[in-house]
Amino acid sequence: MGYQATLEVLADPTRRSIVERLHAGPLPVGVLAADLPVSRPAVSKHLRLMKDAGVVRMTADGTRHLYELDLRTLDEVRRYLDGFWEASLASFKDAAESTTKGRTS
């Protein structure tokens, strides 16, 4: 789907909380919903949107569904943001070098 859909999904604070909880490993909806200030059906809806965007994937474990992060999708966002970080570091390096050259002249 790409980083844009992922960023849209992560714009919601409830979905960011879900990502933080899933960072430790797969969890069922009930466990996720117990710690969030929204209903279980609302958590299911958030998870469906996150699944459609590729942020999470669902696996069956007997009669329950476990959700886990899809790190490949989150890696796309990291690569996108790394571009900004690399540009900022290059600008900082240029500024530091020009300041150093000014002092030694």
N, C-alpha and C. Protein backbone atom coordinates (compact mmCIF):
# COMPACT_ATOMS: atom_id res chain seq x y z
N MET A 1 0.81 -1.20 0.00
CA MET A 1 0.00 0.00 0.00
C MET A 1 0.85 1.26 0.00
N GLY A 2 1.96 1.24 0.68
CA GLY A 2 2.82 2.41 0.69
C GLY A 2 2.76 3.17 2.00
N TYR A 3 3.74 4.03 2.15
CA TYR A 3 3.88 4.75 3.41
C TYR A 3 2.74 5.73 3.66
N GLN A 4 2.09 6.27 2.62
CA GLN A 4 1.03 7.25 2.83
C GLN A 4 -0.15 6.65 3.57
N ALA A 5 -0.58 5.47 3.18
CA ALA A 5 -1.70 4.81 3.87
C ALA A 5 -1.31 4.50 5.31
N THR A 6 -0.07 4.11 5.51
CA THR A 6 0.40 3.80 6.86
C THR A 6 0.41 5.05 7.73
N LEU A 7 0.87 6.16 7.19
CA LEU A 7 0.87 7.41 7.95
C LEU A 7 -0.55 7.84 8.30
N GLU A 8 -1.49 7.64 7.38
CA GLU A 8 -2.88 7.97 7.66
C GLU A 8 -3.42 7.12 8.81
N VAL A 9 -3.10 5.84 8.79
CA VAL A 9 -3.54 4.95 9.86
C VAL A 9 -2.93 5.37 11.19
N LEU A 10 -1.65 5.72 11.18
CA LEU A 10 -0.95 6.08 12.42
C LEU A 10 -1.30 7.47 12.93
N ALA A 11 -2.06 8.23 12.16
CA ALA A 11 -2.47 9.57 12.61
C ALA A 11 -3.46 9.49 13.77
N ASP A 12 -4.11 8.37 13.93
CA ASP A 12 -5.11 8.21 14.99
C ASP A 12 -4.44 7.73 16.29
N PRO A 13 -4.70 8.40 17.42
CA PRO A 13 -4.04 8.02 18.67
C PRO A 13 -4.39 6.61 19.16
N THR A 14 -5.62 6.17 18.92
CA THR A 14 -5.99 4.81 19.33
C THR A 14 -5.19 3.79 18.54
N ARG A 15 -5.03 4.02 17.25
CA ARG A 15 -4.27 3.08 16.43
C ARG A 15 -2.78 3.11 16.80
N ARG A 16 -2.27 4.27 17.17
CA ARG A 16 -0.87 4.32 17.63
C ARG A 16 -0.72 3.52 18.93
N SER A 17 -1.72 3.59 19.80
CA SER A 17 -1.69 2.79 21.04
C SER A 17 -1.69 1.31 20.72
N ILE A 18 -2.48 0.92 19.74
CA ILE A 18 -2.52 -0.49 19.33
C ILE A 18 -1.14 -0.91 18.81
N VAL A 19 -0.51 -0.07 18.00
CA VAL A 19 0.83 -0.39 17.48
C VAL A 19 1.81 -0.57 18.64
N GLU A 20 1.74 0.33 19.62
CA GLU A 20 2.64 0.23 20.78
C GLU A 20 2.43 -1.07 21.54
N ARG A 21 1.17 -1.48 21.70
CA ARG A 21 0.88 -2.72 22.42
C ARG A 21 1.32 -3.95 21.61
N LEU A 22 1.16 -3.89 20.30
CA LEU A 22 1.53 -5.03 19.46
C LEU A 22 3.04 -5.14 19.26
N HIS A 23 3.76 -4.11 19.64
CA HIS A 23 5.22 -4.14 19.50
C HIS A 23 5.81 -5.31 20.29
N ALA A 24 5.19 -5.67 21.40
CA ALA A 24 5.69 -6.77 22.24
C ALA A 24 5.36 -8.14 21.66
N GLY A 25 4.41 -8.20 20.75
CA GLY A 25 4.04 -9.48 20.14
C GLY A 25 2.55 -9.55 19.85
N PRO A 26 2.12 -10.64 19.21
CA PRO A 26 0.72 -10.79 18.81
C PRO A 26 -0.23 -10.81 20.01
N LEU A 27 -1.41 -10.21 19.81
CA LEU A 27 -2.44 -10.17 20.85
C LEU A 27 -3.82 -10.34 20.22
N PRO A 28 -4.76 -10.93 20.98
CA PRO A 28 -6.14 -10.99 20.51
C PRO A 28 -6.86 -9.67 20.76
N VAL A 29 -7.97 -9.47 20.07
CA VAL A 29 -8.74 -8.23 20.18
C VAL A 29 -9.13 -7.95 21.63
N GLY A 30 -9.57 -8.97 22.34
CA GLY A 30 -10.03 -8.78 23.72
C GLY A 30 -8.96 -8.19 24.62
N VAL A 31 -7.74 -8.66 24.48
CA VAL A 31 -6.64 -8.14 25.30
C VAL A 31 -6.34 -6.70 24.91
N LEU A 32 -6.32 -6.42 23.62
CA LEU A 32 -6.09 -5.05 23.16
C LEU A 32 -7.18 -4.12 23.67
N ALA A 33 -8.43 -4.55 23.57
CA ALA A 33 -9.56 -3.70 23.95
C ALA A 33 -9.59 -3.42 25.45
N ALA A 34 -9.09 -4.36 26.25
CA ALA A 34 -9.13 -4.20 27.71
C ALA A 34 -8.33 -2.99 28.17
N ASP A 35 -7.30 -2.64 27.44
CA ASP A 35 -6.41 -1.54 27.85
C ASP A 35 -6.69 -0.22 27.15
N LEU A 36 -7.71 -0.18 26.32
CA LEU A 36 -7.98 1.03 25.54
C LEU A 36 -9.29 1.67 25.97
N PRO A 37 -9.40 2.99 25.83
CA PRO A 37 -10.61 3.70 26.26
C PRO A 37 -11.75 3.66 25.23
N VAL A 38 -11.76 2.63 24.38
CA VAL A 38 -12.82 2.48 23.39
C VAL A 38 -13.37 1.06 23.49
N SER A 39 -14.53 0.84 22.90
CA SER A 39 -15.18 -0.47 22.99
C SER A 39 -14.44 -1.52 22.15
N ARG A 40 -14.75 -2.76 22.45
CA ARG A 40 -14.17 -3.86 21.67
C ARG A 40 -14.55 -3.77 20.19
N PRO A 41 -15.83 -3.46 19.85
CA PRO A 41 -16.15 -3.30 18.43
C PRO A 41 -15.35 -2.16 17.77
N ALA A 42 -15.09 -1.09 18.53
CA ALA A 42 -14.29 0.01 17.98
C ALA A 42 -12.86 -0.45 17.72
N VAL A 43 -12.31 -1.25 18.63
CA VAL A 43 -10.95 -1.78 18.43
C VAL A 43 -10.93 -2.68 17.20
N SER A 44 -11.97 -3.49 17.03
CA SER A 44 -12.05 -4.35 15.85
C SER A 44 -12.07 -3.52 14.57
N LYS A 45 -12.79 -2.42 14.60
CA LYS A 45 -12.85 -1.54 13.42
C LYS A 45 -11.47 -0.93 13.13
N HIS A 46 -10.80 -0.47 14.18
CA HIS A 46 -9.45 0.07 14.02
C HIS A 46 -8.52 -0.99 13.43
N LEU A 47 -8.61 -2.21 13.96
CA LEU A 47 -7.75 -3.29 13.47
C LEU A 47 -8.04 -3.62 12.01
N ARG A 48 -9.30 -3.55 11.62
CA ARG A 48 -9.66 -3.81 10.22
C ARG A 48 -9.02 -2.76 9.31
N LEU A 49 -9.08 -1.49 9.72
CA LEU A 49 -8.44 -0.42 8.93
C LEU A 49 -6.93 -0.62 8.88
N MET A 50 -6.36 -1.00 10.00
CA MET A 50 -4.92 -1.23 10.06
C MET A 50 -4.51 -2.42 9.20
N LYS A 51 -5.35 -3.44 9.18
CA LYS A 51 -5.08 -4.62 8.34
C LYS A 51 -5.17 -4.25 6.87
N ASP A 52 -6.18 -3.48 6.51
CA ASP A 52 -6.34 -3.05 5.11
C ASP A 52 -5.15 -2.22 4.64
N ALA A 53 -4.55 -1.45 5.56
CA ALA A 53 -3.39 -0.62 5.22
C ALA A 53 -2.08 -1.41 5.30
N GLY A 54 -2.15 -2.65 5.77
CA GLY A 54 -0.95 -3.47 5.86
C GLY A 54 -0.13 -3.25 7.11
N VAL A 55 -0.67 -2.53 8.09
CA VAL A 55 0.07 -2.26 9.32
C VAL A 55 0.08 -3.48 10.23
N VAL A 56 -1.03 -4.22 10.25
CA VAL A 56 -1.11 -5.45 11.04
C VAL A 56 -1.56 -6.59 10.14
N ARG A 57 -1.31 -7.78 10.62
CA ARG A 57 -1.86 -8.96 9.95
C ARG A 57 -2.51 -9.83 11.02
N MET A 58 -3.47 -10.63 10.61
CA MET A 58 -4.22 -11.46 11.53
C MET A 58 -3.91 -12.93 11.26
N THR A 59 -3.74 -13.68 12.34
CA THR A 59 -3.58 -15.12 12.23
C THR A 59 -4.57 -15.78 13.17
N ALA A 60 -5.03 -16.95 12.79
CA ALA A 60 -5.97 -17.69 13.63
C ALA A 60 -5.19 -18.58 14.59
N ASP A 61 -5.62 -18.57 15.84
CA ASP A 61 -5.05 -19.45 16.86
C ASP A 61 -6.22 -20.16 17.53
N GLY A 62 -6.61 -21.26 16.94
CA GLY A 62 -7.81 -21.94 17.43
C GLY A 62 -9.04 -21.11 17.09
N THR A 63 -9.77 -20.72 18.13
CA THR A 63 -11.00 -19.95 17.92
C THR A 63 -10.79 -18.45 18.00
N ARG A 64 -9.60 -18.03 18.32
CA ARG A 64 -9.37 -16.58 18.42
C ARG A 64 -8.44 -16.10 17.33
N HIS A 65 -8.54 -14.82 17.07
CA HIS A 65 -7.70 -14.18 16.05
C HIS A 65 -6.63 -13.35 16.75
N LEU A 66 -5.41 -13.57 16.36
CA LEU A 66 -4.30 -12.80 16.90
C LEU A 66 -3.86 -11.77 15.88
N TYR A 67 -3.57 -10.58 16.36
CA TYR A 67 -3.08 -9.51 15.50
C TYR A 67 -1.63 -9.25 15.84
N GLU A 68 -0.85 -9.01 14.79
CA GLU A 68 0.55 -8.68 14.98
C GLU A 68 0.96 -7.61 13.97
N LEU A 69 2.01 -6.89 14.31
CA LEU A 69 2.50 -5.85 13.41
C LEU A 69 3.10 -6.47 12.16
N ASP A 70 2.90 -5.80 11.05
CA ASP A 70 3.58 -6.18 9.82
C ASP A 70 4.74 -5.21 9.66
N LEU A 71 5.90 -5.64 10.08
CA LEU A 71 7.07 -4.76 10.12
C LEU A 71 7.53 -4.31 8.74
N ARG A 72 7.15 -5.04 7.71
CA ARG A 72 7.53 -4.62 6.35
C ARG A 72 6.89 -3.27 6.02
N THR A 73 5.63 -3.11 6.39
CA THR A 73 4.93 -1.85 6.11
C THR A 73 5.52 -0.72 6.95
N LEU A 74 5.80 -1.00 8.21
CA LEU A 74 6.39 0.03 9.05
C LEU A 74 7.79 0.40 8.58
N ASP A 75 8.48 -0.56 7.97
CA ASP A 75 9.81 -0.28 7.42
C ASP A 75 9.73 0.71 6.26
N GLU A 76 8.64 0.66 5.48
CA GLU A 76 8.45 1.64 4.40
C GLU A 76 8.38 3.05 4.96
N VAL A 77 7.68 3.21 6.08
CA VAL A 77 7.58 4.53 6.73
C VAL A 77 8.95 4.96 7.24
N ARG A 78 9.68 4.01 7.83
CA ARG A 78 11.02 4.34 8.34
C ARG A 78 11.92 4.82 7.21
N ARG A 79 11.89 4.13 6.08
CA ARG A 79 12.72 4.54 4.94
C ARG A 79 12.31 5.93 4.44
N TYR A 80 11.02 6.20 4.40
CA TYR A 80 10.53 7.51 3.98
C TYR A 80 11.05 8.60 4.94
N LEU A 81 10.92 8.36 6.23
CA LEU A 81 11.37 9.35 7.22
C LEU A 81 12.89 9.46 7.27
N ASP A 82 13.58 8.37 6.97
CA ASP A 82 15.05 8.42 6.93
C ASP A 82 15.55 9.44 5.91
N GLY A 83 14.81 9.62 4.83
CA GLY A 83 15.19 10.61 3.82
C GLY A 83 15.26 12.01 4.41
N PHE A 84 14.31 12.33 5.29
CA PHE A 84 14.32 13.64 5.95
C PHE A 84 15.49 13.72 6.92
N TRP A 85 15.72 12.66 7.66
CA TRP A 85 16.79 12.63 8.64
C TRP A 85 18.14 12.78 7.96
N GLU A 86 18.35 12.07 6.85
CA GLU A 86 19.62 12.15 6.13
C GLU A 86 19.85 13.56 5.59
N ALA A 87 18.80 14.20 5.09
CA ALA A 87 18.92 15.57 4.58
C ALA A 87 19.25 16.53 5.73
N SER A 88 18.63 16.33 6.88
CA SER A 88 18.90 17.19 8.04
C SER A 88 20.34 17.02 8.51
N LEU A 89 20.81 15.78 8.56
CA LEU A 89 22.19 15.55 8.98
C LEU A 89 23.19 16.15 8.00
N ALA A 90 22.89 16.07 6.71
CA ALA A 90 23.78 16.66 5.71
C ALA A 90 23.83 18.17 5.87
N SER A 91 22.68 18.79 6.12
CA SER A 91 22.64 20.24 6.34
C SER A 91 23.41 20.62 7.60
N PHE A 92 23.25 19.83 8.66
CA PHE A 92 23.96 20.09 9.90
C PHE A 92 25.47 19.97 9.68
N LYS A 93 25.88 18.95 8.94
CA LYS A 93 27.30 18.75 8.64
C LYS A 93 27.86 19.95 7.87
N ASP A 94 27.12 20.40 6.85
CA ASP A 94 27.56 21.56 6.06
C ASP A 94 27.69 22.80 6.94
N ALA A 95 26.71 23.01 7.82
CA ALA A 95 26.74 24.18 8.70
C ALA A 95 27.92 24.09 9.67
N ALA A 96 28.15 22.91 10.22
CA ALA A 96 29.26 22.73 11.15
C ALA A 96 30.60 22.94 10.46
N GLU A 97 30.74 22.42 9.25
CA GLU A 97 31.99 22.58 8.52
C GLU A 97 32.24 24.03 8.13
N SER A 98 31.19 24.74 7.75
CA SER A 98 31.38 26.15 7.38
C SER A 98 31.72 26.99 8.61
N THR A 99 31.16 26.64 9.76
CA THR A 99 31.49 27.35 11.00
C THR A 99 32.94 27.09 11.39
N THR A 100 33.37 25.84 11.26
CA THR A 100 34.74 25.47 11.59
C THR A 100 35.72 26.16 10.65
N LYS A 101 35.41 26.23 9.36
CA LYS A 101 36.29 26.90 8.39
C LYS A 101 36.39 28.38 8.70
N GLY A 102 35.31 28.99 9.14
CA GLY A 102 35.31 30.41 9.47
C GLY A 102 36.20 30.71 10.67
N ARG A 103 36.31 29.77 11.58
CA ARG A 103 37.12 29.97 12.78
C ARG A 103 38.61 29.78 12.50
N THR A 104 38.93 28.93 11.54
CA THR A 104 40.35 28.66 11.27
C THR A 104 40.95 29.65 10.29
N SER A 105 40.14 30.48 9.69
CA SER A 105 40.67 31.43 8.70
C SER A 105 41.22 32.66 9.36
